[in-house]
Amino acid sequence: MKLIKTEAGQQAFKSRLPVFSARQRTAFIMFDGQKSVQQVLAAAASLGLTAEDVEHMVAHGMLAPAPGESVLALEQAAQNLAVQAADDAFKARSPQERYTEAKPLATKLTAALGLRGFRLNLAVESAGGYDELLTLLPKIRDAAGAKACEELERVLTQ
C-alpha cells in the first residue's frame, strides 16, 4: 500500500499544528506515493515510527491512498496496520518518547480551554519532562474532560 500527503496534511504540516508528533512529522515527508507503508516504516524504524503513527495520520486525513491504490487495499492495509499497532503497543517506550508525543497533545487540550485554562497551559508548556507532564494529567482531565483526554492518557500511560 502506497500513501501520499493530502492537502489537509500539507497544510497541517506547514502550519505546525500539533496533530503530528515529532516522529510523525519526520515520517510524513517520506510518504511520496512511491514507497510502500512497510518501506517507510522500515526506513523510519530508528525514529521509533510505528504502524499506529501511520494509522493516526491516515485516520486524521493527513495521508491518503496514492493514485491507482484501491480503497480495498487501503482497508486491508488499515487492518494490517491495526494488527501491527497492537503489537507495537506492547513495546515499551521510554519516558522521553512518551513526553515528546504527549506534550503537543496536552498543549492543544489546554490551549483550547481559553482563559480558564491559561495557568494550566503555562504549566504544560513549562513541563520539562515526562514526570511533570504525568503529574499534570489529572488537572488536564478535570479541566478538559475525560473523553478529550483519552489520547493523551494513552500516550502517557501505555
N, C-alpha and C. Protein backbone atom coordinates (compact mmCIF):
# COMPACT_ATOMS: atom_id res chain seq x y z
N MET A 1 0.84 -1.18 0.00
CA MET A 1 0.00 0.00 0.00
C MET A 1 0.88 1.23 0.00
N LYS A 2 0.62 2.14 -0.93
CA LYS A 2 1.37 3.38 -1.02
C LYS A 2 0.44 4.54 -0.65
N LEU A 3 0.99 5.47 0.12
CA LEU A 3 0.21 6.62 0.58
C LEU A 3 0.86 7.91 0.12
N ILE A 4 0.03 8.94 -0.05
CA ILE A 4 0.52 10.27 -0.39
C ILE A 4 -0.03 11.27 0.62
N LYS A 5 0.62 12.43 0.64
CA LYS A 5 0.16 13.50 1.53
C LYS A 5 -1.12 14.12 0.95
N THR A 6 -2.06 14.44 1.82
CA THR A 6 -3.25 15.14 1.38
C THR A 6 -3.01 16.64 1.50
N GLU A 7 -3.90 17.40 0.91
CA GLU A 7 -3.81 18.86 1.03
C GLU A 7 -3.94 19.27 2.50
N ALA A 8 -4.88 18.63 3.21
CA ALA A 8 -5.05 18.93 4.63
C ALA A 8 -3.79 18.59 5.42
N GLY A 9 -3.17 17.48 5.06
CA GLY A 9 -1.93 17.09 5.73
C GLY A 9 -0.82 18.08 5.49
N GLN A 10 -0.71 18.53 4.26
CA GLN A 10 0.34 19.50 3.93
C GLN A 10 0.11 20.82 4.66
N GLN A 11 -1.16 21.24 4.74
CA GLN A 11 -1.48 22.47 5.46
C GLN A 11 -1.14 22.34 6.95
N ALA A 12 -1.52 21.21 7.54
CA ALA A 12 -1.23 20.98 8.96
C ALA A 12 0.27 20.94 9.20
N PHE A 13 0.99 20.32 8.28
CA PHE A 13 2.44 20.22 8.39
C PHE A 13 3.07 21.61 8.32
N LYS A 14 2.65 22.39 7.33
CA LYS A 14 3.22 23.74 7.14
C LYS A 14 2.90 24.67 8.30
N SER A 15 1.70 24.53 8.84
CA SER A 15 1.30 25.43 9.92
C SER A 15 1.73 24.91 11.30
N ARG A 16 2.41 23.77 11.29
CA ARG A 16 2.96 23.17 12.52
C ARG A 16 1.89 22.90 13.58
N LEU A 17 0.71 22.48 13.12
CA LEU A 17 -0.34 22.11 14.06
C LEU A 17 0.12 20.91 14.88
N PRO A 18 -0.30 20.82 16.14
CA PRO A 18 0.17 19.71 16.97
C PRO A 18 -0.54 18.39 16.67
N VAL A 19 -0.99 18.21 15.43
CA VAL A 19 -1.60 16.95 15.02
C VAL A 19 -0.54 15.87 14.88
N PHE A 20 0.68 16.30 14.55
CA PHE A 20 1.78 15.38 14.34
C PHE A 20 2.71 15.36 15.55
N SER A 21 3.19 14.17 15.89
CA SER A 21 4.29 14.09 16.85
C SER A 21 5.57 14.36 16.06
N ALA A 22 6.68 14.51 16.74
CA ALA A 22 7.94 14.79 16.05
C ALA A 22 8.29 13.68 15.07
N ARG A 23 8.13 12.44 15.46
CA ARG A 23 8.48 11.35 14.54
C ARG A 23 7.49 11.25 13.39
N GLN A 24 6.22 11.61 13.65
CA GLN A 24 5.23 11.61 12.57
C GLN A 24 5.55 12.69 11.55
N ARG A 25 6.00 13.85 12.02
CA ARG A 25 6.37 14.93 11.11
C ARG A 25 7.51 14.48 10.20
N THR A 26 8.50 13.83 10.78
CA THR A 26 9.64 13.36 10.00
C THR A 26 9.19 12.32 8.99
N ALA A 27 8.37 11.37 9.41
CA ALA A 27 7.90 10.31 8.52
C ALA A 27 6.95 10.85 7.45
N PHE A 28 6.18 11.86 7.78
CA PHE A 28 5.21 12.43 6.84
C PHE A 28 5.90 12.82 5.53
N ILE A 29 7.10 13.34 5.64
CA ILE A 29 7.85 13.77 4.47
C ILE A 29 8.13 12.59 3.53
N MET A 30 8.30 11.40 4.10
CA MET A 30 8.66 10.22 3.31
C MET A 30 7.52 9.67 2.46
N PHE A 31 6.29 10.01 2.78
CA PHE A 31 5.16 9.48 2.02
C PHE A 31 5.00 10.26 0.72
N ASP A 32 5.51 9.66 -0.35
CA ASP A 32 5.52 10.33 -1.65
C ASP A 32 4.75 9.58 -2.72
N GLY A 33 4.09 8.48 -2.34
CA GLY A 33 3.36 7.69 -3.31
C GLY A 33 4.24 6.68 -4.03
N GLN A 34 5.53 6.72 -3.78
CA GLN A 34 6.46 5.79 -4.42
C GLN A 34 6.84 4.64 -3.47
N LYS A 35 6.96 4.96 -2.19
CA LYS A 35 7.34 3.96 -1.19
C LYS A 35 6.08 3.38 -0.54
N SER A 36 6.15 2.09 -0.25
CA SER A 36 5.02 1.46 0.45
C SER A 36 5.08 1.84 1.93
N VAL A 37 3.99 1.61 2.62
CA VAL A 37 3.93 1.88 4.05
C VAL A 37 5.03 1.10 4.77
N GLN A 38 5.19 -0.18 4.37
CA GLN A 38 6.21 -1.01 5.02
C GLN A 38 7.61 -0.45 4.79
N GLN A 39 7.88 0.09 3.60
CA GLN A 39 9.20 0.68 3.32
C GLN A 39 9.44 1.91 4.19
N VAL A 40 8.42 2.73 4.35
CA VAL A 40 8.55 3.92 5.19
C VAL A 40 8.74 3.52 6.65
N LEU A 41 7.97 2.53 7.10
CA LEU A 41 8.13 2.06 8.48
C LEU A 41 9.54 1.53 8.72
N ALA A 42 10.07 0.79 7.74
CA ALA A 42 11.43 0.26 7.88
C ALA A 42 12.46 1.39 7.88
N ALA A 43 12.27 2.37 7.00
CA ALA A 43 13.22 3.48 6.91
C ALA A 43 13.20 4.36 8.16
N ALA A 44 12.03 4.46 8.78
CA ALA A 44 11.89 5.34 9.95
C ALA A 44 11.89 4.56 11.27
N ALA A 45 12.26 3.32 11.22
CA ALA A 45 12.26 2.49 12.44
C ALA A 45 13.18 3.08 13.50
N SER A 46 14.31 3.65 13.08
CA SER A 46 15.24 4.22 14.06
C SER A 46 14.65 5.44 14.76
N LEU A 47 13.64 6.07 14.17
CA LEU A 47 12.97 7.21 14.79
C LEU A 47 11.91 6.76 15.79
N GLY A 48 11.58 5.46 15.74
CA GLY A 48 10.54 4.95 16.62
C GLY A 48 9.16 5.00 15.98
N LEU A 49 9.12 5.20 14.65
CA LEU A 49 7.84 5.25 13.95
C LEU A 49 7.16 3.89 14.04
N THR A 50 5.88 3.91 14.35
CA THR A 50 5.11 2.68 14.46
C THR A 50 3.96 2.70 13.46
N ALA A 51 3.37 1.55 13.28
CA ALA A 51 2.20 1.45 12.42
C ALA A 51 1.06 2.31 12.98
N GLU A 52 1.01 2.44 14.30
CA GLU A 52 -0.01 3.27 14.93
C GLU A 52 0.15 4.73 14.51
N ASP A 53 1.39 5.19 14.34
CA ASP A 53 1.63 6.55 13.89
C ASP A 53 1.06 6.76 12.48
N VAL A 54 1.29 5.78 11.61
CA VAL A 54 0.78 5.87 10.24
C VAL A 54 -0.75 5.84 10.26
N GLU A 55 -1.29 4.95 11.06
CA GLU A 55 -2.75 4.85 11.19
C GLU A 55 -3.34 6.17 11.67
N HIS A 56 -2.66 6.82 12.61
CA HIS A 56 -3.10 8.12 13.13
C HIS A 56 -3.15 9.15 11.99
N MET A 57 -2.12 9.17 11.16
CA MET A 57 -2.08 10.15 10.07
C MET A 57 -3.15 9.87 9.03
N VAL A 58 -3.44 8.59 8.76
CA VAL A 58 -4.49 8.24 7.80
C VAL A 58 -5.85 8.60 8.40
N ALA A 59 -6.06 8.24 9.66
CA ALA A 59 -7.35 8.50 10.31
C ALA A 59 -7.67 9.98 10.40
N HIS A 60 -6.63 10.82 10.53
CA HIS A 60 -6.84 12.26 10.61
C HIS A 60 -6.81 12.94 9.25
N GLY A 61 -6.80 12.14 8.17
CA GLY A 61 -6.87 12.69 6.82
C GLY A 61 -5.59 13.35 6.35
N MET A 62 -4.47 13.04 6.97
CA MET A 62 -3.20 13.63 6.56
C MET A 62 -2.56 12.85 5.41
N LEU A 63 -2.89 11.57 5.32
CA LEU A 63 -2.39 10.70 4.25
C LEU A 63 -3.58 10.01 3.60
N ALA A 64 -3.43 9.70 2.31
CA ALA A 64 -4.48 9.01 1.57
C ALA A 64 -3.82 8.05 0.59
N PRO A 65 -4.60 7.10 0.04
CA PRO A 65 -4.01 6.17 -0.92
C PRO A 65 -3.48 6.91 -2.15
N ALA A 66 -2.35 6.43 -2.66
CA ALA A 66 -1.77 7.01 -3.87
C ALA A 66 -2.68 6.67 -5.04
N PRO A 67 -2.62 7.46 -6.12
CA PRO A 67 -3.42 7.13 -7.31
C PRO A 67 -3.13 5.70 -7.76
N GLY A 68 -4.20 4.98 -8.08
CA GLY A 68 -4.05 3.60 -8.51
C GLY A 68 -4.18 2.61 -7.37
N GLU A 69 -4.12 3.08 -6.15
CA GLU A 69 -4.31 2.20 -4.99
C GLU A 69 -5.81 2.14 -4.72
N SER A 70 -6.31 0.97 -4.50
CA SER A 70 -7.75 0.82 -4.31
C SER A 70 -8.15 1.06 -2.86
N VAL A 71 -9.43 1.36 -2.69
CA VAL A 71 -9.97 1.54 -1.35
C VAL A 71 -9.89 0.22 -0.59
N LEU A 72 -10.08 -0.89 -1.31
CA LEU A 72 -9.97 -2.21 -0.69
C LEU A 72 -8.55 -2.41 -0.15
N ALA A 73 -7.56 -1.97 -0.93
CA ALA A 73 -6.17 -2.08 -0.48
C ALA A 73 -5.95 -1.23 0.76
N LEU A 74 -6.59 -0.06 0.82
CA LEU A 74 -6.47 0.80 1.99
C LEU A 74 -7.08 0.12 3.22
N GLU A 75 -8.25 -0.50 3.03
CA GLU A 75 -8.88 -1.21 4.14
C GLU A 75 -8.01 -2.36 4.62
N GLN A 76 -7.43 -3.10 3.67
CA GLN A 76 -6.55 -4.22 4.04
C GLN A 76 -5.31 -3.69 4.76
N ALA A 77 -4.75 -2.60 4.23
CA ALA A 77 -3.57 -2.00 4.87
C ALA A 77 -3.92 -1.52 6.27
N ALA A 78 -5.12 -0.94 6.43
CA ALA A 78 -5.54 -0.47 7.75
C ALA A 78 -5.67 -1.63 8.73
N GLN A 79 -6.20 -2.75 8.25
CA GLN A 79 -6.28 -3.93 9.12
C GLN A 79 -4.89 -4.42 9.50
N ASN A 80 -3.98 -4.45 8.52
CA ASN A 80 -2.61 -4.87 8.79
C ASN A 80 -1.94 -3.92 9.77
N LEU A 81 -2.18 -2.62 9.56
CA LEU A 81 -1.60 -1.63 10.46
C LEU A 81 -2.16 -1.77 11.87
N ALA A 82 -3.45 -2.07 11.97
CA ALA A 82 -4.06 -2.23 13.28
C ALA A 82 -3.43 -3.40 14.04
N VAL A 83 -3.19 -4.50 13.32
CA VAL A 83 -2.55 -5.65 13.95
C VAL A 83 -1.14 -5.29 14.38
N GLN A 84 -0.42 -4.63 13.49
CA GLN A 84 0.95 -4.24 13.83
C GLN A 84 0.95 -3.20 14.95
N ALA A 85 -0.02 -2.31 14.94
CA ALA A 85 -0.11 -1.29 16.00
C ALA A 85 -0.34 -1.95 17.36
N ALA A 86 -1.17 -2.98 17.38
CA ALA A 86 -1.40 -3.69 18.64
C ALA A 86 -0.10 -4.31 19.14
N ASP A 87 0.68 -4.86 18.23
CA ASP A 87 1.97 -5.42 18.62
C ASP A 87 2.91 -4.32 19.12
N ASP A 88 2.92 -3.22 18.42
CA ASP A 88 3.80 -2.11 18.80
C ASP A 88 3.42 -1.53 20.15
N ALA A 89 2.13 -1.57 20.48
CA ALA A 89 1.67 -1.00 21.75
C ALA A 89 2.29 -1.72 22.95
N PHE A 90 2.60 -2.98 22.75
CA PHE A 90 3.20 -3.74 23.84
C PHE A 90 4.67 -3.43 24.03
N LYS A 91 5.28 -2.84 23.02
CA LYS A 91 6.69 -2.48 23.13
C LYS A 91 6.80 -1.27 24.06
N ALA A 92 7.76 -1.33 24.91
CA ALA A 92 7.94 -0.24 25.88
C ALA A 92 8.58 0.96 25.19
N ARG A 93 8.04 2.13 25.51
CA ARG A 93 8.63 3.37 25.03
C ARG A 93 9.27 4.05 26.22
N SER A 94 10.32 4.78 25.94
CA SER A 94 10.99 5.50 27.02
C SER A 94 10.13 6.67 27.47
N PRO A 95 10.34 7.11 28.70
CA PRO A 95 9.59 8.29 29.18
C PRO A 95 9.80 9.51 28.27
N GLN A 96 11.00 9.66 27.72
CA GLN A 96 11.27 10.80 26.83
C GLN A 96 10.42 10.71 25.56
N GLU A 97 10.28 9.51 25.01
CA GLU A 97 9.44 9.34 23.81
C GLU A 97 7.98 9.64 24.13
N ARG A 98 7.52 9.19 25.28
CA ARG A 98 6.14 9.47 25.69
C ARG A 98 5.92 10.96 25.87
N TYR A 99 6.88 11.61 26.51
CA TYR A 99 6.81 13.06 26.73
C TYR A 99 6.77 13.80 25.40
N THR A 100 7.64 13.41 24.48
CA THR A 100 7.72 14.07 23.17
C THR A 100 6.40 13.95 22.41
N GLU A 101 5.75 12.82 22.53
CA GLU A 101 4.48 12.62 21.84
C GLU A 101 3.32 13.28 22.59
N ALA A 102 3.39 13.29 23.91
CA ALA A 102 2.27 13.78 24.71
C ALA A 102 2.22 15.29 24.85
N LYS A 103 3.36 15.95 24.84
CA LYS A 103 3.37 17.39 25.09
C LYS A 103 2.52 18.18 24.08
N PRO A 104 2.63 17.91 22.76
CA PRO A 104 1.75 18.65 21.84
C PRO A 104 0.27 18.38 22.09
N LEU A 105 -0.07 17.16 22.48
CA LEU A 105 -1.47 16.84 22.78
C LEU A 105 -1.96 17.63 23.99
N ALA A 106 -1.14 17.65 25.04
CA ALA A 106 -1.50 18.38 26.25
C ALA A 106 -1.60 19.87 25.98
N THR A 107 -0.68 20.39 25.18
CA THR A 107 -0.71 21.81 24.83
C THR A 107 -1.98 22.15 24.07
N LYS A 108 -2.34 21.31 23.12
CA LYS A 108 -3.56 21.55 22.33
C LYS A 108 -4.80 21.54 23.22
N LEU A 109 -4.87 20.56 24.12
CA LEU A 109 -6.03 20.46 25.02
C LEU A 109 -6.14 21.68 25.93
N THR A 110 -5.04 22.09 26.53
CA THR A 110 -5.10 23.21 27.47
C THR A 110 -5.26 24.54 26.76
N ALA A 111 -4.72 24.67 25.56
CA ALA A 111 -4.88 25.91 24.80
C ALA A 111 -6.34 26.11 24.40
N ALA A 112 -7.03 24.99 24.15
CA ALA A 112 -8.44 25.07 23.75
C ALA A 112 -9.34 25.51 24.90
N LEU A 113 -8.83 25.51 26.11
CA LEU A 113 -9.64 25.90 27.27
C LEU A 113 -9.79 27.42 27.41
N GLY A 114 -9.00 28.16 26.65
CA GLY A 114 -9.08 29.61 26.71
C GLY A 114 -8.53 30.16 28.01
N LEU A 115 -9.11 31.25 28.47
CA LEU A 115 -8.62 31.91 29.67
C LEU A 115 -8.74 31.03 30.92
N ARG A 116 -9.77 30.20 30.98
CA ARG A 116 -9.93 29.37 32.18
C ARG A 116 -8.84 28.31 32.29
N GLY A 117 -8.15 28.03 31.19
CA GLY A 117 -7.06 27.05 31.23
C GLY A 117 -5.70 27.68 31.05
N PHE A 118 -5.64 28.99 31.19
CA PHE A 118 -4.39 29.72 30.93
C PHE A 118 -3.24 29.22 31.82
N ARG A 119 -3.49 29.15 33.11
CA ARG A 119 -2.42 28.71 34.04
C ARG A 119 -2.04 27.26 33.80
N LEU A 120 -3.01 26.45 33.49
CA LEU A 120 -2.73 25.04 33.20
C LEU A 120 -1.91 24.93 31.92
N ASN A 121 -2.24 25.75 30.93
CA ASN A 121 -1.48 25.77 29.68
C ASN A 121 -0.03 26.19 29.95
N LEU A 122 0.16 27.18 30.78
CA LEU A 122 1.52 27.59 31.15
C LEU A 122 2.27 26.46 31.85
N ALA A 123 1.58 25.74 32.72
CA ALA A 123 2.21 24.63 33.43
C ALA A 123 2.62 23.52 32.45
N VAL A 124 1.76 23.26 31.46
CA VAL A 124 2.08 22.24 30.45
C VAL A 124 3.29 22.69 29.63
N GLU A 125 3.26 23.94 29.20
CA GLU A 125 4.37 24.43 28.38
C GLU A 125 5.69 24.46 29.14
N SER A 126 5.64 24.62 30.44
CA SER A 126 6.88 24.65 31.21
C SER A 126 7.28 23.27 31.73
N ALA A 127 6.44 22.27 31.51
CA ALA A 127 6.78 20.90 31.94
C ALA A 127 8.03 20.45 31.21
N GLY A 128 9.04 20.09 31.97
CA GLY A 128 10.33 19.76 31.38
C GLY A 128 10.56 18.28 31.14
N GLY A 129 9.61 17.45 31.48
CA GLY A 129 9.82 16.02 31.29
C GLY A 129 8.55 15.23 31.50
N TYR A 130 8.69 13.93 31.31
CA TYR A 130 7.57 13.01 31.40
C TYR A 130 6.88 13.07 32.76
N ASP A 131 7.67 13.03 33.83
CA ASP A 131 7.09 13.01 35.18
C ASP A 131 6.25 14.25 35.46
N GLU A 132 6.73 15.41 35.03
CA GLU A 132 5.98 16.65 35.26
C GLU A 132 4.67 16.65 34.47
N LEU A 133 4.72 16.15 33.23
CA LEU A 133 3.52 16.10 32.41
C LEU A 133 2.52 15.08 32.98
N LEU A 134 3.02 13.95 33.44
CA LEU A 134 2.16 12.94 34.04
C LEU A 134 1.47 13.49 35.30
N THR A 135 2.18 14.30 36.07
CA THR A 135 1.61 14.92 37.27
C THR A 135 0.46 15.87 36.90
N LEU A 136 0.55 16.51 35.73
CA LEU A 136 -0.49 17.44 35.30
C LEU A 136 -1.71 16.75 34.69
N LEU A 137 -1.58 15.47 34.34
CA LEU A 137 -2.67 14.75 33.67
C LEU A 137 -4.00 14.83 34.41
N PRO A 138 -4.08 14.60 35.72
CA PRO A 138 -5.38 14.71 36.40
C PRO A 138 -6.00 16.11 36.28
N LYS A 139 -5.19 17.14 36.35
CA LYS A 139 -5.71 18.50 36.22
C LYS A 139 -6.23 18.75 34.81
N ILE A 140 -5.51 18.24 33.82
CA ILE A 140 -5.94 18.39 32.42
C ILE A 140 -7.25 17.64 32.22
N ARG A 141 -7.34 16.42 32.77
CA ARG A 141 -8.56 15.62 32.64
C ARG A 141 -9.74 16.33 33.29
N ASP A 142 -9.52 16.92 34.47
CA ASP A 142 -10.60 17.64 35.15
C ASP A 142 -11.06 18.86 34.34
N ALA A 143 -10.10 19.56 33.73
CA ALA A 143 -10.44 20.79 33.00
C ALA A 143 -11.02 20.51 31.62
N ALA A 144 -10.46 19.55 30.89
CA ALA A 144 -10.87 19.32 29.51
C ALA A 144 -11.90 18.21 29.37
N GLY A 145 -11.99 17.34 30.37
CA GLY A 145 -12.92 16.22 30.30
C GLY A 145 -12.21 14.92 29.96
N ALA A 146 -12.75 13.83 30.46
CA ALA A 146 -12.12 12.52 30.28
C ALA A 146 -12.08 12.11 28.81
N LYS A 147 -13.14 12.37 28.09
CA LYS A 147 -13.23 11.98 26.67
C LYS A 147 -12.14 12.68 25.86
N ALA A 148 -11.97 13.96 26.09
CA ALA A 148 -10.97 14.74 25.34
C ALA A 148 -9.55 14.30 25.66
N CYS A 149 -9.35 13.74 26.84
CA CYS A 149 -8.01 13.37 27.30
C CYS A 149 -7.63 11.92 27.01
N GLU A 150 -8.50 11.17 26.34
CA GLU A 150 -8.23 9.75 26.12
C GLU A 150 -6.89 9.51 25.42
N GLU A 151 -6.65 10.23 24.34
CA GLU A 151 -5.40 10.01 23.60
C GLU A 151 -4.19 10.42 24.43
N LEU A 152 -4.28 11.53 25.13
CA LEU A 152 -3.19 11.97 25.98
C LEU A 152 -2.89 10.93 27.05
N GLU A 153 -3.95 10.39 27.67
CA GLU A 153 -3.77 9.37 28.69
C GLU A 153 -3.11 8.13 28.12
N ARG A 154 -3.55 7.74 26.93
CA ARG A 154 -2.98 6.55 26.28
C ARG A 154 -1.50 6.75 26.02
N VAL A 155 -1.12 7.91 25.54
CA VAL A 155 0.28 8.19 25.23
C VAL A 155 1.13 8.19 26.49
N LEU A 156 0.60 8.76 27.56
CA LEU A 156 1.38 8.86 28.79
C LEU A 156 1.44 7.56 29.59
N THR A 157 0.39 6.76 29.54
CA THR A 157 0.33 5.63 30.45
C THR A 157 0.50 4.26 29.82
N GLN A 158 0.46 4.14 28.52
CA GLN A 158 0.62 2.82 27.91
C GLN A 158 2.00 2.62 27.37
